[in-house]
Amino acid sequence: EIEASGVFYQVQALERWLIASDIGAFSEAIDDGDSGRLVPPGDADRLAAALAEGVGRRPRPVAAPRVADWASIAEATLATYAQATRDWATGRRTGATL
């Protein structure tokens, strides 16, 4: 259960058709139908269809990657954790429950 992946960002730079769950950073970085296919989490039938569709596909060219480098990823990760820490400290708990 992840919302992003370092490997994802590396593969994105290789100009490959990507298939990922329609959550988190994947939803933000993949243009569904243009650069890959987003699949609802847990939907095995849609995943199978996306895999079949993706054979031999290439993404449409994009002007620039949405995440430029590892430093940008690190900054976004730190900001997310900082916000989560503030939310936890103030009793505001959003997202997944533990």
N, C-alpha and C. Protein backbone atom coordinates (compact mmCIF):
# COMPACT_ATOMS: atom_id res chain seq x y z
N GLU A 1 0.84 -1.17 0.00
CA GLU A 1 0.00 0.00 0.00
C GLU A 1 0.88 1.24 0.00
N ILE A 2 1.26 1.67 -1.20
CA ILE A 2 2.09 2.86 -1.34
C ILE A 2 1.39 3.85 -2.24
N GLU A 3 1.80 5.08 -2.15
CA GLU A 3 1.25 6.12 -3.01
C GLU A 3 2.29 6.69 -3.96
N ALA A 4 3.53 6.24 -3.86
CA ALA A 4 4.60 6.70 -4.74
C ALA A 4 5.72 5.68 -4.69
N SER A 5 6.67 5.84 -5.59
CA SER A 5 7.76 4.89 -5.66
C SER A 5 8.94 5.54 -6.37
N GLY A 6 10.13 5.40 -5.79
CA GLY A 6 11.33 5.91 -6.45
C GLY A 6 11.55 5.22 -7.78
N VAL A 7 11.28 3.93 -7.83
CA VAL A 7 11.42 3.17 -9.08
C VAL A 7 10.47 3.74 -10.13
N PHE A 8 9.27 4.10 -9.72
CA PHE A 8 8.29 4.69 -10.63
C PHE A 8 8.88 5.90 -11.34
N TYR A 9 9.52 6.80 -10.58
CA TYR A 9 10.08 8.01 -11.18
C TYR A 9 11.25 7.70 -12.10
N GLN A 10 12.02 6.68 -11.78
CA GLN A 10 13.11 6.28 -12.67
C GLN A 10 12.56 5.72 -13.98
N VAL A 11 11.56 4.87 -13.90
CA VAL A 11 10.98 4.27 -15.10
C VAL A 11 10.26 5.33 -15.93
N GLN A 12 9.64 6.29 -15.28
CA GLN A 12 8.95 7.35 -16.00
C GLN A 12 9.90 8.06 -16.96
N ALA A 13 11.12 8.24 -16.58
CA ALA A 13 12.11 8.91 -17.43
C ALA A 13 12.51 8.06 -18.63
N LEU A 14 12.19 6.76 -18.64
CA LEU A 14 12.56 5.87 -19.74
C LEU A 14 11.54 5.88 -20.87
N GLU A 15 10.53 6.71 -20.76
CA GLU A 15 9.48 6.82 -21.78
C GLU A 15 8.82 5.49 -22.06
N ARG A 16 8.34 4.85 -21.02
CA ARG A 16 7.62 3.59 -21.13
C ARG A 16 6.16 3.79 -20.76
N TRP A 17 5.31 2.96 -21.32
CA TRP A 17 3.90 2.95 -20.96
C TRP A 17 3.81 2.42 -19.54
N LEU A 18 3.19 3.16 -18.64
CA LEU A 18 3.14 2.79 -17.23
C LEU A 18 1.73 2.38 -16.83
N ILE A 19 1.65 1.38 -15.98
CA ILE A 19 0.38 0.95 -15.42
C ILE A 19 0.53 1.00 -13.91
N ALA A 20 -0.38 1.70 -13.25
CA ALA A 20 -0.29 1.87 -11.80
C ALA A 20 -1.67 2.03 -11.20
N SER A 21 -1.76 1.83 -9.89
CA SER A 21 -3.01 2.08 -9.17
C SER A 21 -3.33 3.57 -9.23
N ASP A 22 -4.60 3.87 -9.31
CA ASP A 22 -5.06 5.25 -9.41
C ASP A 22 -5.09 5.89 -8.02
N ILE A 23 -3.90 6.11 -7.45
CA ILE A 23 -3.75 6.71 -6.12
C ILE A 23 -2.51 7.59 -6.09
N GLY A 24 -2.48 8.51 -5.15
CA GLY A 24 -1.29 9.30 -4.83
C GLY A 24 -0.56 9.89 -6.02
N ALA A 25 0.76 9.77 -5.97
CA ALA A 25 1.63 10.35 -7.00
C ALA A 25 1.40 9.72 -8.36
N PHE A 26 0.97 8.46 -8.38
CA PHE A 26 0.71 7.81 -9.67
C PHE A 26 -0.40 8.55 -10.41
N SER A 27 -1.47 8.91 -9.69
CA SER A 27 -2.59 9.63 -10.30
C SER A 27 -2.16 11.00 -10.82
N GLU A 28 -1.21 11.61 -10.12
CA GLU A 28 -0.75 12.94 -10.51
C GLU A 28 0.22 12.89 -11.68
N ALA A 29 0.99 11.83 -11.80
CA ALA A 29 2.07 11.79 -12.79
C ALA A 29 1.70 11.07 -14.09
N ILE A 30 0.72 10.20 -14.05
CA ILE A 30 0.34 9.45 -15.26
C ILE A 30 -0.90 10.10 -15.87
N ASP A 31 -0.78 10.47 -17.13
CA ASP A 31 -1.94 10.96 -17.87
C ASP A 31 -2.64 9.73 -18.43
N ASP A 32 -3.74 9.34 -17.80
CA ASP A 32 -4.44 8.12 -18.15
C ASP A 32 -4.80 8.10 -19.64
N GLY A 33 -4.26 7.12 -20.34
CA GLY A 33 -4.50 6.98 -21.77
C GLY A 33 -3.44 7.62 -22.63
N ASP A 34 -2.67 8.57 -22.08
CA ASP A 34 -1.61 9.22 -22.85
C ASP A 34 -0.23 8.68 -22.49
N SER A 35 0.05 8.58 -21.19
CA SER A 35 1.37 8.10 -20.78
C SER A 35 1.30 6.74 -20.08
N GLY A 36 0.10 6.23 -19.92
CA GLY A 36 -0.06 4.94 -19.28
C GLY A 36 -1.51 4.73 -18.93
N ARG A 37 -1.74 3.79 -18.03
CA ARG A 37 -3.11 3.49 -17.63
C ARG A 37 -3.20 3.45 -16.11
N LEU A 38 -4.18 4.14 -15.56
CA LEU A 38 -4.45 4.11 -14.12
C LEU A 38 -5.57 3.11 -13.87
N VAL A 39 -5.37 2.26 -12.86
CA VAL A 39 -6.30 1.19 -12.55
C VAL A 39 -6.81 1.36 -11.13
N PRO A 40 -8.11 1.21 -10.91
CA PRO A 40 -8.61 1.30 -9.54
C PRO A 40 -7.94 0.24 -8.65
N PRO A 41 -7.51 0.60 -7.46
CA PRO A 41 -6.86 -0.37 -6.57
C PRO A 41 -7.78 -1.58 -6.32
N GLY A 42 -7.19 -2.77 -6.42
CA GLY A 42 -7.92 -3.99 -6.14
C GLY A 42 -8.78 -4.52 -7.27
N ASP A 43 -8.78 -3.86 -8.42
CA ASP A 43 -9.61 -4.29 -9.54
C ASP A 43 -8.79 -5.15 -10.50
N ALA A 44 -8.81 -6.45 -10.26
CA ALA A 44 -7.98 -7.38 -11.05
C ALA A 44 -8.38 -7.41 -12.51
N ASP A 45 -9.67 -7.28 -12.81
CA ASP A 45 -10.11 -7.29 -14.21
C ASP A 45 -9.58 -6.08 -14.98
N ARG A 46 -9.64 -4.91 -14.34
CA ARG A 46 -9.13 -3.70 -14.99
C ARG A 46 -7.61 -3.76 -15.14
N LEU A 47 -6.93 -4.36 -14.15
CA LEU A 47 -5.48 -4.54 -14.25
C LEU A 47 -5.15 -5.45 -15.42
N ALA A 48 -5.85 -6.55 -15.56
CA ALA A 48 -5.61 -7.47 -16.68
C ALA A 48 -5.84 -6.77 -18.01
N ALA A 49 -6.90 -5.98 -18.10
CA ALA A 49 -7.19 -5.25 -19.34
C ALA A 49 -6.09 -4.23 -19.63
N ALA A 50 -5.60 -3.55 -18.60
CA ALA A 50 -4.53 -2.55 -18.78
C ALA A 50 -3.25 -3.22 -19.24
N LEU A 51 -2.94 -4.39 -18.70
CA LEU A 51 -1.74 -5.12 -19.12
C LEU A 51 -1.85 -5.53 -20.59
N ALA A 52 -3.00 -6.03 -21.00
CA ALA A 52 -3.20 -6.41 -22.40
C ALA A 52 -3.11 -5.19 -23.31
N GLU A 53 -3.73 -4.10 -22.89
CA GLU A 53 -3.71 -2.86 -23.67
C GLU A 53 -2.29 -2.31 -23.82
N GLY A 54 -1.48 -2.47 -22.79
CA GLY A 54 -0.16 -1.86 -22.76
C GLY A 54 0.90 -2.53 -23.60
N VAL A 55 0.64 -3.74 -24.08
CA VAL A 55 1.65 -4.45 -24.86
C VAL A 55 2.03 -3.63 -26.09
N GLY A 56 3.30 -3.26 -26.17
CA GLY A 56 3.81 -2.52 -27.31
C GLY A 56 3.49 -1.04 -27.34
N ARG A 57 2.79 -0.54 -26.34
CA ARG A 57 2.41 0.88 -26.33
C ARG A 57 3.56 1.75 -25.87
N ARG A 58 3.58 2.94 -26.33
CA ARG A 58 4.53 3.96 -25.89
C ARG A 58 3.74 5.19 -25.49
N PRO A 59 4.21 5.92 -24.50
CA PRO A 59 3.48 7.13 -24.10
C PRO A 59 3.64 8.22 -25.14
N ARG A 60 2.68 9.12 -25.16
CA ARG A 60 2.83 10.31 -25.99
C ARG A 60 3.91 11.17 -25.36
N PRO A 61 4.73 11.83 -26.16
CA PRO A 61 5.79 12.68 -25.59
C PRO A 61 5.20 13.79 -24.72
N VAL A 62 5.93 14.10 -23.66
CA VAL A 62 5.54 15.20 -22.78
C VAL A 62 6.66 16.23 -22.79
N ALA A 63 6.32 17.45 -22.45
CA ALA A 63 7.29 18.54 -22.49
C ALA A 63 8.41 18.36 -21.47
N ALA A 64 8.05 18.00 -20.25
CA ALA A 64 9.05 17.86 -19.19
C ALA A 64 8.49 16.97 -18.10
N PRO A 65 9.36 16.26 -17.39
CA PRO A 65 8.85 15.45 -16.29
C PRO A 65 8.24 16.33 -15.20
N ARG A 66 7.25 15.79 -14.51
CA ARG A 66 6.59 16.57 -13.46
C ARG A 66 7.44 16.68 -12.21
N VAL A 67 8.29 15.70 -11.99
CA VAL A 67 9.22 15.75 -10.86
C VAL A 67 10.61 15.77 -11.47
N ALA A 68 11.33 16.84 -11.23
CA ALA A 68 12.60 17.06 -11.92
C ALA A 68 13.73 16.17 -11.41
N ASP A 69 13.81 15.94 -10.11
CA ASP A 69 14.98 15.24 -9.59
C ASP A 69 14.70 14.67 -8.20
N TRP A 70 15.67 13.94 -7.67
CA TRP A 70 15.53 13.33 -6.35
C TRP A 70 15.39 14.38 -5.25
N ALA A 71 16.02 15.52 -5.42
CA ALA A 71 15.90 16.58 -4.41
C ALA A 71 14.44 17.04 -4.29
N SER A 72 13.75 17.15 -5.43
CA SER A 72 12.34 17.54 -5.41
C SER A 72 11.48 16.49 -4.73
N ILE A 73 11.79 15.23 -5.00
CA ILE A 73 11.06 14.13 -4.36
C ILE A 73 11.29 14.18 -2.85
N ALA A 74 12.54 14.40 -2.44
CA ALA A 74 12.87 14.46 -1.01
C ALA A 74 12.15 15.62 -0.34
N GLU A 75 12.13 16.78 -0.98
CA GLU A 75 11.44 17.94 -0.42
C GLU A 75 9.95 17.67 -0.25
N ALA A 76 9.33 17.05 -1.25
CA ALA A 76 7.91 16.74 -1.16
C ALA A 76 7.64 15.72 -0.07
N THR A 77 8.52 14.75 0.07
CA THR A 77 8.36 13.73 1.12
C THR A 77 8.48 14.37 2.50
N LEU A 78 9.49 15.21 2.69
CA LEU A 78 9.66 15.89 3.97
C LEU A 78 8.46 16.78 4.30
N ALA A 79 7.95 17.48 3.31
CA ALA A 79 6.78 18.33 3.54
C ALA A 79 5.56 17.51 3.93
N THR A 80 5.40 16.35 3.31
CA THR A 80 4.28 15.47 3.65
C THR A 80 4.38 14.98 5.08
N TYR A 81 5.59 14.53 5.47
CA TYR A 81 5.78 14.06 6.84
C TYR A 81 5.62 15.19 7.85
N ALA A 82 6.09 16.37 7.52
CA ALA A 82 5.94 17.51 8.43
C ALA A 82 4.46 17.83 8.63
N GLN A 83 3.67 17.83 7.55
CA GLN A 83 2.24 18.09 7.67
C GLN A 83 1.56 16.99 8.48
N ALA A 84 1.93 15.74 8.24
CA ALA A 84 1.34 14.63 8.99
C ALA A 84 1.67 14.75 10.48
N THR A 85 2.89 15.16 10.80
CA THR A 85 3.29 15.34 12.20
C THR A 85 2.47 16.46 12.85
N ARG A 86 2.28 17.58 12.13
CA ARG A 86 1.47 18.67 12.65
C ARG A 86 0.02 18.23 12.86
N ASP A 87 -0.51 17.50 11.87
CA ASP A 87 -1.88 17.01 11.99
C ASP A 87 -2.03 16.07 13.18
N TRP A 88 -1.06 15.20 13.37
CA TRP A 88 -1.11 14.24 14.47
C TRP A 88 -1.06 14.99 15.82
N ALA A 89 -0.19 15.98 15.90
CA ALA A 89 -0.02 16.73 17.15
C ALA A 89 -1.27 17.52 17.52
N THR A 90 -2.01 17.97 16.53
CA THR A 90 -3.22 18.77 16.80
C THR A 90 -4.48 17.91 16.86
N GLY A 91 -4.32 16.60 16.71
CA GLY A 91 -5.47 15.70 16.78
C GLY A 91 -6.25 15.59 15.50
N ARG A 92 -5.76 16.21 14.45
CA ARG A 92 -6.43 16.14 13.15
C ARG A 92 -5.84 14.95 12.40
N ARG A 93 -6.59 13.89 12.34
CA ARG A 93 -6.09 12.68 11.69
C ARG A 93 -6.89 12.43 10.41
N THR A 94 -6.18 12.53 9.29
CA THR A 94 -6.82 12.31 8.01
C THR A 94 -6.15 11.13 7.34
N GLY A 95 -6.78 10.62 6.31
CA GLY A 95 -6.19 9.51 5.56
C GLY A 95 -6.40 8.18 6.24
N ALA A 96 -5.47 7.27 6.04
CA ALA A 96 -5.59 5.91 6.55
C ALA A 96 -5.52 5.88 8.07
N THR A 97 -6.25 4.98 8.65
CA THR A 97 -6.18 4.80 10.09
C THR A 97 -5.23 3.67 10.41
N LEU A 98 -4.58 3.78 11.54
CA LEU A 98 -3.63 2.76 11.95
C LEU A 98 -4.27 1.80 12.91
